[in-house]
Amino acid sequence: MMIRRGFGDAAERIQELYLAGHKAEATATVPDEWVDAKSLVGPPARIKERYQAWENCGATALSVRTKQDEAVEVMAQAARLNVGSN
């Protein structure tokens, strides 16, 4: 998936590190841009700010995986902020 989305060099390096047993380094090598392309993460203000782009990208579903009730509330607030802004 990383290769198809333009992160081929990073994917190869991550795999090399992981297979060599350098799991922490492999994890640290994942580009922030990749994480941002796949997730809404960070402080609540950042998530709310970036939610609009996700809503406008054509996605039809969003999964929230967390053990924090606050995270679910942040997503609900972001959705409410963007109602009717399309």
PDB file of N, CA and C in Angstrom:
ATOM      1  N   MET A   1       0.822  -1.173   0.000  1.00  0.00           N
ATOM      2  CA  MET A   1       0.000   0.000   0.000  1.00  0.00           C
ATOM      3  C   MET A   1       0.884   1.262   0.000  1.00  0.00           C
ATOM      4  N   MET A   2       1.955   1.234   0.756  1.00  0.00           N
ATOM      5  CA  MET A   2       2.844   2.404   0.790  1.00  0.00           C
ATOM      6  C   MET A   2       3.447   2.671  -0.586  1.00  0.00           C
ATOM      7  N   ILE A   3       3.808   1.621  -1.286  1.00  0.00           N
ATOM      8  CA  ILE A   3       4.408   1.778  -2.619  1.00  0.00           C
ATOM      9  C   ILE A   3       3.396   2.403  -3.567  1.00  0.00           C
ATOM     10  N   ARG A   4       2.159   1.895  -3.572  1.00  0.00           N
ATOM     11  CA  ARG A   4       1.108   2.441  -4.452  1.00  0.00           C
ATOM     12  C   ARG A   4       0.829   3.914  -4.176  1.00  0.00           C
ATOM     13  N   ARG A   5       1.064   4.334  -2.956  1.00  0.00           N
ATOM     14  CA  ARG A   5       0.759   5.725  -2.586  1.00  0.00           C
ATOM     15  C   ARG A   5       1.989   6.627  -2.578  1.00  0.00           C
ATOM     16  N   GLY A   6       3.088   6.147  -3.193  1.00  0.00           N
ATOM     17  CA  GLY A   6       4.250   6.999  -3.374  1.00  0.00           C
ATOM     18  C   GLY A   6       5.288   6.962  -2.280  1.00  0.00           C
ATOM     19  N   PHE A   7       5.236   5.982  -1.418  1.00  0.00           N
ATOM     20  CA  PHE A   7       6.190   5.872  -0.319  1.00  0.00           C
ATOM     21  C   PHE A   7       7.048   4.618  -0.469  1.00  0.00           C
ATOM     22  N   GLY A   8       7.425   4.303  -1.698  1.00  0.00           N
ATOM     23  CA  GLY A   8       8.166   3.077  -1.974  1.00  0.00           C
ATOM     24  C   GLY A   8       9.509   2.999  -1.289  1.00  0.00           C
ATOM     25  N   ASP A   9      10.272   4.076  -1.334  1.00  0.00           N
ATOM     26  CA  ASP A   9      11.594   4.063  -0.692  1.00  0.00           C
ATOM     27  C   ASP A   9      11.472   3.822   0.805  1.00  0.00           C
ATOM     28  N   ALA A  10      10.512   4.501   1.425  1.00  0.00           N
ATOM     29  CA  ALA A  10      10.304   4.329   2.862  1.00  0.00           C
ATOM     30  C   ALA A  10       9.876   2.895   3.168  1.00  0.00           C
ATOM     31  N   ALA A  11       9.003   2.336   2.351  1.00  0.00           N
ATOM     32  CA  ALA A  11       8.527   0.969   2.569  1.00  0.00           C
ATOM     33  C   ALA A  11       9.680  -0.020   2.528  1.00  0.00           C
ATOM     34  N   GLU A  12      10.554   0.134   1.549  1.00  0.00           N
ATOM     35  CA  GLU A  12      11.705  -0.770   1.439  1.00  0.00           C
ATOM     36  C   GLU A  12      12.614  -0.657   2.653  1.00  0.00           C
ATOM     37  N   ARG A  13      12.892   0.581   3.082  1.00  0.00           N
ATOM     38  CA  ARG A  13      13.775   0.791   4.233  1.00  0.00           C
ATOM     39  C   ARG A  13      13.145   0.233   5.506  1.00  0.00           C
ATOM     40  N   ILE A  14      11.865   0.456   5.692  1.00  0.00           N
ATOM     41  CA  ILE A  14      11.171  -0.066   6.871  1.00  0.00           C
ATOM     42  C   ILE A  14      11.244  -1.588   6.905  1.00  0.00           C
ATOM     43  N   GLN A  15      11.017  -2.215   5.741  1.00  0.00           N
ATOM     44  CA  GLN A  15      11.075  -3.669   5.684  1.00  0.00           C
ATOM     45  C   GLN A  15      12.480  -4.182   5.985  1.00  0.00           C
ATOM     46  N   GLU A  16      13.486  -3.543   5.423  1.00  0.00           N
ATOM     47  CA  GLU A  16      14.875  -3.947   5.694  1.00  0.00           C
ATOM     48  C   GLU A  16      15.170  -3.900   7.190  1.00  0.00           C
ATOM     49  N   LEU A  17      14.824  -2.803   7.814  1.00  0.00           N
ATOM     50  CA  LEU A  17      15.085  -2.641   9.243  1.00  0.00           C
ATOM     51  C   LEU A  17      14.315  -3.663  10.063  1.00  0.00           C
ATOM     52  N   TYR A  18      13.059  -3.846   9.739  1.00  0.00           N
ATOM     53  CA  TYR A  18      12.219  -4.779  10.491  1.00  0.00           C
ATOM     54  C   TYR A  18      12.763  -6.205  10.383  1.00  0.00           C
ATOM     55  N   LEU A  19      13.073  -6.617   9.166  1.00  0.00           N
ATOM     56  CA  LEU A  19      13.570  -7.986   8.967  1.00  0.00           C
ATOM     57  C   LEU A  19      14.939  -8.198   9.592  1.00  0.00           C
ATOM     58  N   ALA A  20      15.696  -7.115   9.773  1.00  0.00           N
ATOM     59  CA  ALA A  20      17.000  -7.214  10.427  1.00  0.00           C
ATOM     60  C   ALA A  20      16.863  -7.184  11.949  1.00  0.00           C
ATOM     61  N   GLY A  21      15.638  -7.101  12.427  1.00  0.00           N
ATOM     62  CA  GLY A  21      15.403  -7.117  13.868  1.00  0.00           C
ATOM     63  C   GLY A  21      15.437  -5.742  14.526  1.00  0.00           C
ATOM     64  N   HIS A  22      15.470  -4.695  13.740  1.00  0.00           N
ATOM     65  CA  HIS A  22      15.524  -3.328  14.267  1.00  0.00           C
ATOM     66  C   HIS A  22      14.119  -2.721  14.255  1.00  0.00           C
ATOM     67  N   LYS A  23      13.243  -3.296  15.057  1.00  0.00           N
ATOM     68  CA  LYS A  23      11.830  -2.917  15.009  1.00  0.00           C
ATOM     69  C   LYS A  23      11.583  -1.469  15.431  1.00  0.00           C
ATOM     70  N   ALA A  24      12.264  -1.008  16.461  1.00  0.00           N
ATOM     71  CA  ALA A  24      12.063   0.374  16.906  1.00  0.00           C
ATOM     72  C   ALA A  24      12.521   1.356  15.835  1.00  0.00           C
ATOM     73  N   GLU A  25      13.640   1.066  15.197  1.00  0.00           N
ATOM     74  CA  GLU A  25      14.133   1.938  14.129  1.00  0.00           C
ATOM     75  C   GLU A  25      13.191   1.899  12.918  1.00  0.00           C
ATOM     76  N   ALA A  26      12.658   0.718  12.630  1.00  0.00           N
ATOM     77  CA  ALA A  26      11.702   0.606  11.523  1.00  0.00           C
ATOM     78  C   ALA A  26      10.473   1.470  11.801  1.00  0.00           C
ATOM     79  N   THR A  27       9.984   1.413  13.014  1.00  0.00           N
ATOM     80  CA  THR A  27       8.830   2.221  13.396  1.00  0.00           C
ATOM     81  C   THR A  27       9.145   3.711  13.278  1.00  0.00           C
ATOM     82  N   ALA A  28      10.319   4.113  13.717  1.00  0.00           N
ATOM     83  CA  ALA A  28      10.723   5.524  13.663  1.00  0.00           C
ATOM     84  C   ALA A  28      10.909   6.013  12.234  1.00  0.00           C
ATOM     85  N   THR A  29      11.100   5.098  11.300  1.00  0.00           N
ATOM     86  CA  THR A  29      11.339   5.441   9.898  1.00  0.00           C
ATOM     87  C   THR A  29      10.045   5.725   9.138  1.00  0.00           C
ATOM     88  N   VAL A  30       8.910   5.343   9.690  1.00  0.00           N
ATOM     89  CA  VAL A  30       7.632   5.594   9.017  1.00  0.00           C
ATOM     90  C   VAL A  30       7.458   7.109   8.868  1.00  0.00           C
ATOM     91  N   PRO A  31       7.294   7.594   7.635  1.00  0.00           N
ATOM     92  CA  PRO A  31       7.183   9.037   7.420  1.00  0.00           C
ATOM     93  C   PRO A  31       5.912   9.631   8.048  1.00  0.00           C
ATOM     94  N   ASP A  32       6.068  10.811   8.631  1.00  0.00           N
ATOM     95  CA  ASP A  32       4.905  11.502   9.196  1.00  0.00           C
ATOM     96  C   ASP A  32       3.830  11.720   8.143  1.00  0.00           C
ATOM     97  N   GLU A  33       4.259  11.971   6.909  1.00  0.00           N
ATOM     98  CA  GLU A  33       3.300  12.201   5.821  1.00  0.00           C
ATOM     99  C   GLU A  33       2.424  10.971   5.594  1.00  0.00           C
ATOM    100  N   TRP A  34       3.006   9.787   5.748  1.00  0.00           N
ATOM    101  CA  TRP A  34       2.247   8.547   5.594  1.00  0.00           C
ATOM    102  C   TRP A  34       1.208   8.429   6.706  1.00  0.00           C
ATOM    103  N   VAL A  35       1.633   8.705   7.913  1.00  0.00           N
ATOM    104  CA  VAL A  35       0.708   8.637   9.047  1.00  0.00           C
ATOM    105  C   VAL A  35      -0.441   9.614   8.827  1.00  0.00           C
ATOM    106  N   ASP A  36      -0.112  10.835   8.393  1.00  0.00           N
ATOM    107  CA  ASP A  36      -1.156  11.833   8.151  1.00  0.00           C
ATOM    108  C   ASP A  36      -2.091  11.433   7.017  1.00  0.00           C
ATOM    109  N   ALA A  37      -1.579  10.707   6.046  1.00  0.00           N
ATOM    110  CA  ALA A  37      -2.421  10.263   4.926  1.00  0.00           C
ATOM    111  C   ALA A  37      -3.400   9.176   5.355  1.00  0.00           C
ATOM    112  N   LYS A  38      -3.096   8.493   6.433  1.00  0.00           N
ATOM    113  CA  LYS A  38      -3.898   7.351   6.870  1.00  0.00           C
ATOM    114  C   LYS A  38      -4.704   7.591   8.142  1.00  0.00           C
ATOM    115  N   SER A  39      -4.395   8.668   8.883  1.00  0.00           N
ATOM    116  CA  SER A  39      -4.968   8.803  10.215  1.00  0.00           C
ATOM    117  C   SER A  39      -5.229  10.249  10.592  1.00  0.00           C
ATOM    118  N   LEU A  40      -6.130  10.415  11.501  1.00  0.00           N
ATOM    119  CA  LEU A  40      -6.313  11.689  12.184  1.00  0.00           C
ATOM    120  C   LEU A  40      -5.751  11.492  13.583  1.00  0.00           C
ATOM    121  N   VAL A  41      -4.565  11.999  13.825  1.00  0.00           N
ATOM    122  CA  VAL A  41      -3.911  11.832  15.116  1.00  0.00           C
ATOM    123  C   VAL A  41      -3.359  13.166  15.581  1.00  0.00           C
ATOM    124  N   GLY A  42      -3.169  13.274  16.871  1.00  0.00           N
ATOM    125  CA  GLY A  42      -2.583  14.470  17.441  1.00  0.00           C
ATOM    126  C   GLY A  42      -3.514  15.120  18.438  1.00  0.00           C
ATOM    127  N   PRO A  43      -3.191  16.351  18.793  1.00  0.00           N
ATOM    128  CA  PRO A  43      -4.031  17.070  19.753  1.00  0.00           C
ATOM    129  C   PRO A  43      -5.418  17.339  19.160  1.00  0.00           C
ATOM    130  N   PRO A  44      -6.429  17.520  20.011  1.00  0.00           N
ATOM    131  CA  PRO A  44      -7.786  17.743  19.526  1.00  0.00           C
ATOM    132  C   PRO A  44      -7.903  18.867  18.494  1.00  0.00           C
ATOM    133  N   ALA A  45      -7.221  19.969  18.692  1.00  0.00           N
ATOM    134  CA  ALA A  45      -7.325  21.090  17.744  1.00  0.00           C
ATOM    135  C   ALA A  45      -6.831  20.683  16.364  1.00  0.00           C
ATOM    136  N   ARG A  46      -5.768  19.903  16.296  1.00  0.00           N
ATOM    137  CA  ARG A  46      -5.218  19.445  15.010  1.00  0.00           C
ATOM    138  C   ARG A  46      -6.194  18.488  14.324  1.00  0.00           C
ATOM    139  N   ILE A  47      -6.773  17.596  15.087  1.00  0.00           N
ATOM    140  CA  ILE A  47      -7.732  16.644  14.520  1.00  0.00           C
ATOM    141  C   ILE A  47      -8.930  17.389  13.953  1.00  0.00           C
ATOM    142  N   LYS A  48      -9.456  18.327  14.702  1.00  0.00           N
ATOM    143  CA  LYS A  48     -10.616  19.098  14.240  1.00  0.00           C
ATOM    144  C   LYS A  48     -10.273  19.882  12.977  1.00  0.00           C
ATOM    145  N   GLU A  49      -9.072  20.441  12.928  1.00  0.00           N
ATOM    146  CA  GLU A  49      -8.634  21.211  11.761  1.00  0.00           C
ATOM    147  C   GLU A  49      -8.528  20.324  10.518  1.00  0.00           C
ATOM    148  N   ARG A  50      -7.985  19.118  10.674  1.00  0.00           N
ATOM    149  CA  ARG A  50      -7.751  18.228   9.539  1.00  0.00           C
ATOM    150  C   ARG A  50      -8.990  17.420   9.150  1.00  0.00           C
ATOM    151  N   TYR A  51     -10.015  17.395   9.987  1.00  0.00           N
ATOM    152  CA  TYR A  51     -11.212  16.598   9.725  1.00  0.00           C
ATOM    153  C   TYR A  51     -11.887  17.008   8.420  1.00  0.00           C
ATOM    154  N   GLN A  52     -11.944  18.290   8.132  1.00  0.00           N
ATOM    155  CA  GLN A  52     -12.628  18.776   6.927  1.00  0.00           C
ATOM    156  C   GLN A  52     -12.057  18.127   5.669  1.00  0.00           C
ATOM    157  N   ALA A  53     -10.728  18.054   5.564  1.00  0.00           N
ATOM    158  CA  ALA A  53     -10.119  17.427   4.386  1.00  0.00           C
ATOM    159  C   ALA A  53     -10.522  15.965   4.283  1.00  0.00           C
ATOM    160  N   TRP A  54     -10.614  15.284   5.401  1.00  0.00           N
ATOM    161  CA  TRP A  54     -11.031  13.887   5.374  1.00  0.00           C
ATOM    162  C   TRP A  54     -12.484  13.776   4.933  1.00  0.00           C
ATOM    163  N   GLU A  55     -13.294  14.666   5.431  1.00  0.00           N
ATOM    164  CA  GLU A  55     -14.710  14.610   5.064  1.00  0.00           C
ATOM    165  C   GLU A  55     -14.891  14.869   3.568  1.00  0.00           C
ATOM    166  N   ASN A  56     -14.060  15.707   2.989  1.00  0.00           N
ATOM    167  CA  ASN A  56     -14.167  16.071   1.579  1.00  0.00           C
ATOM    168  C   ASN A  56     -13.449  15.115   0.627  1.00  0.00           C
ATOM    169  N   CYS A  57     -12.759  14.114   1.131  1.00  0.00           N
ATOM    170  CA  CYS A  57     -11.945  13.252   0.272  1.00  0.00           C
ATOM    171  C   CYS A  57     -12.748  12.151  -0.425  1.00  0.00           C
ATOM    172  N   GLY A  58     -14.005  11.998  -0.078  1.00  0.00           N
ATOM    173  CA  GLY A  58     -14.815  10.962  -0.704  1.00  0.00           C
ATOM    174  C   GLY A  58     -14.959   9.698   0.129  1.00  0.00           C
ATOM    175  N   ALA A  59     -14.319   9.653   1.273  1.00  0.00           N
ATOM    176  CA  ALA A  59     -14.458   8.487   2.146  1.00  0.00           C
ATOM    177  C   ALA A  59     -15.906   8.386   2.605  1.00  0.00           C
ATOM    178  N   THR A  60     -16.382   7.172   2.751  1.00  0.00           N
ATOM    179  CA  THR A  60     -17.761   6.971   3.175  1.00  0.00           C
ATOM    180  C   THR A  60     -17.866   6.443   4.602  1.00  0.00           C
ATOM    181  N   ALA A  61     -16.716   6.196   5.236  1.00  0.00           N
ATOM    182  CA  ALA A  61     -16.729   5.706   6.612  1.00  0.00           C
ATOM    183  C   ALA A  61     -15.446   6.133   7.314  1.00  0.00           C
ATOM    184  N   LEU A  62     -15.534   6.231   8.606  1.00  0.00           N
ATOM    185  CA  LEU A  62     -14.392   6.590   9.427  1.00  0.00           C
ATOM    186  C   LEU A  62     -14.454   5.720  10.671  1.00  0.00           C
ATOM    187  N   SER A  63     -13.373   5.033  10.978  1.00  0.00           N
ATOM    188  CA  SER A  63     -13.314   4.197  12.170  1.00  0.00           C
ATOM    189  C   SER A  63     -12.548   4.931  13.258  1.00  0.00           C
ATOM    190  N   VAL A  64     -13.050   4.847  14.465  1.00  0.00           N
ATOM    191  CA  VAL A  64     -12.368   5.422  15.611  1.00  0.00           C
ATOM    192  C   VAL A  64     -11.966   4.260  16.501  1.00  0.00           C
ATOM    193  N   ARG A  65     -10.660   4.105  16.656  1.00  0.00           N
ATOM    194  CA  ARG A  65     -10.148   3.038  17.519  1.00  0.00           C
ATOM    195  C   ARG A  65      -9.388   3.689  18.660  1.00  0.00           C
ATOM    196  N   THR A  66      -9.932   3.569  19.847  1.00  0.00           N
ATOM    197  CA  THR A  66      -9.326   4.198  21.005  1.00  0.00           C
ATOM    198  C   THR A  66      -9.840   3.560  22.279  1.00  0.00           C
ATOM    199  N   LYS A  67      -9.104   3.756  23.323  1.00  0.00           N
ATOM    200  CA  LYS A  67      -9.550   3.358  24.660  1.00  0.00           C
ATOM    201  C   LYS A  67      -9.913   4.598  25.465  1.00  0.00           C
ATOM    202  N   GLN A  68      -9.906   5.753  24.790  1.00  0.00           N
ATOM    203  CA  GLN A  68     -10.163   7.020  25.474  1.00  0.00           C
ATOM    204  C   GLN A  68     -11.523   7.585  25.057  1.00  0.00           C
ATOM    205  N   ASP A  69     -12.392   7.767  26.029  1.00  0.00           N
ATOM    206  CA  ASP A  69     -13.696   8.361  25.743  1.00  0.00           C
ATOM    207  C   ASP A  69     -13.532   9.752  25.137  1.00  0.00           C
ATOM    208  N   GLU A  70     -12.483  10.473  25.556  1.00  0.00           N
ATOM    209  CA  GLU A  70     -12.249  11.826  25.052  1.00  0.00           C
ATOM    210  C   GLU A  70     -12.025  11.819  23.540  1.00  0.00           C
ATOM    211  N   ALA A  71     -11.367  10.804  23.028  1.00  0.00           N
ATOM    212  CA  ALA A  71     -11.085  10.734  21.593  1.00  0.00           C
ATOM    213  C   ALA A  71     -12.376  10.607  20.787  1.00  0.00           C
ATOM    214  N   VAL A  72     -13.309   9.844  21.287  1.00  0.00           N
ATOM    215  CA  VAL A  72     -14.601   9.698  20.609  1.00  0.00           C
ATOM    216  C   VAL A  72     -15.323  11.048  20.609  1.00  0.00           C
ATOM    217  N   GLU A  73     -15.261  11.756  21.720  1.00  0.00           N
ATOM    218  CA  GLU A  73     -15.896  13.069  21.806  1.00  0.00           C
ATOM    219  C   GLU A  73     -15.231  14.068  20.863  1.00  0.00           C
ATOM    220  N   VAL A  74     -13.908  14.037  20.726  1.00  0.00           N
ATOM    221  CA  VAL A  74     -13.204  14.928  19.796  1.00  0.00           C
ATOM    222  C   VAL A  74     -13.694  14.682  18.372  1.00  0.00           C
ATOM    223  N   MET A  75     -13.852  13.428  17.988  1.00  0.00           N
ATOM    224  CA  MET A  75     -14.332  13.117  16.637  1.00  0.00           C
ATOM    225  C   MET A  75     -15.768  13.592  16.453  1.00  0.00           C
ATOM    226  N   ALA A  76     -16.595  13.426  17.467  1.00  0.00           N
ATOM    227  CA  ALA A  76     -17.976  13.897  17.373  1.00  0.00           C
ATOM    228  C   ALA A  76     -18.010  15.416  17.238  1.00  0.00           C
ATOM    229  N   GLN A  77     -17.159  16.110  17.987  1.00  0.00           N
ATOM    230  CA  GLN A  77     -17.092  17.570  17.883  1.00  0.00           C
ATOM    231  C   GLN A  77     -16.634  17.990  16.490  1.00  0.00           C
ATOM    232  N   ALA A  78     -15.625  17.304  15.958  1.00  0.00           N
ATOM    233  CA  ALA A  78     -15.126  17.626  14.613  1.00  0.00           C
ATOM    234  C   ALA A  78     -16.229  17.440  13.578  1.00  0.00           C
ATOM    235  N   ALA A  79     -16.984  16.376  13.697  1.00  0.00           N
ATOM    236  CA  ALA A  79     -18.078  16.119  12.752  1.00  0.00           C
ATOM    237  C   ALA A  79     -19.146  17.204  12.861  1.00  0.00           C
ATOM    238  N   ARG A  80     -19.473  17.585  14.078  1.00  0.00           N
ATOM    239  CA  ARG A  80     -20.478  18.636  14.273  1.00  0.00           C
ATOM    240  C   ARG A  80     -20.002  19.974  13.702  1.00  0.00           C
ATOM    241  N   LEU A  81     -18.719  20.268  13.844  1.00  0.00           N
ATOM    242  CA  LEU A  81     -18.162  21.517  13.311  1.00  0.00           C
ATOM    243  C   LEU A  81     -18.254  21.582  11.789  1.00  0.00           C
ATOM    244  N   ASN A  82     -18.229  20.416  11.156  1.00  0.00           N
ATOM    245  CA  ASN A  82     -18.183  20.367   9.688  1.00  0.00           C
ATOM    246  C   ASN A  82     -19.531  20.068   9.055  1.00  0.00           C
ATOM    247  N   VAL A  83     -20.585  19.924   9.821  1.00  0.00           N
ATOM    248  CA  VAL A  83     -21.909  19.663   9.266  1.00  0.00           C
ATOM    249  C   VAL A  83     -22.303  20.846   8.369  1.00  0.00           C
ATOM    250  N   GLY A  84     -22.660  20.538   7.131  1.00  0.00           N
ATOM    251  CA  GLY A  84     -23.119  21.561   6.223  1.00  0.00           C
ATOM    252  C   GLY A  84     -22.035  22.421   5.612  1.00  0.00           C
ATOM    253  N   SER A  85     -20.758  22.108   5.889  1.00  0.00           N
ATOM    254  CA  SER A  85     -19.682  22.934   5.326  1.00  0.00           C
ATOM    255  C   SER A  85     -19.192  22.416   3.993  1.00  0.00           C
ATOM    256  N   ASN A  86     -19.803  21.340   3.492  1.00  0.00           N
ATOM    257  CA  ASN A  86     -19.409  20.793   2.187  1.00  0.00           C
ATOM    258  C   ASN A  86     -20.060  21.554   1.065  1.00  0.00           C
TER     259      ASN A  86
END
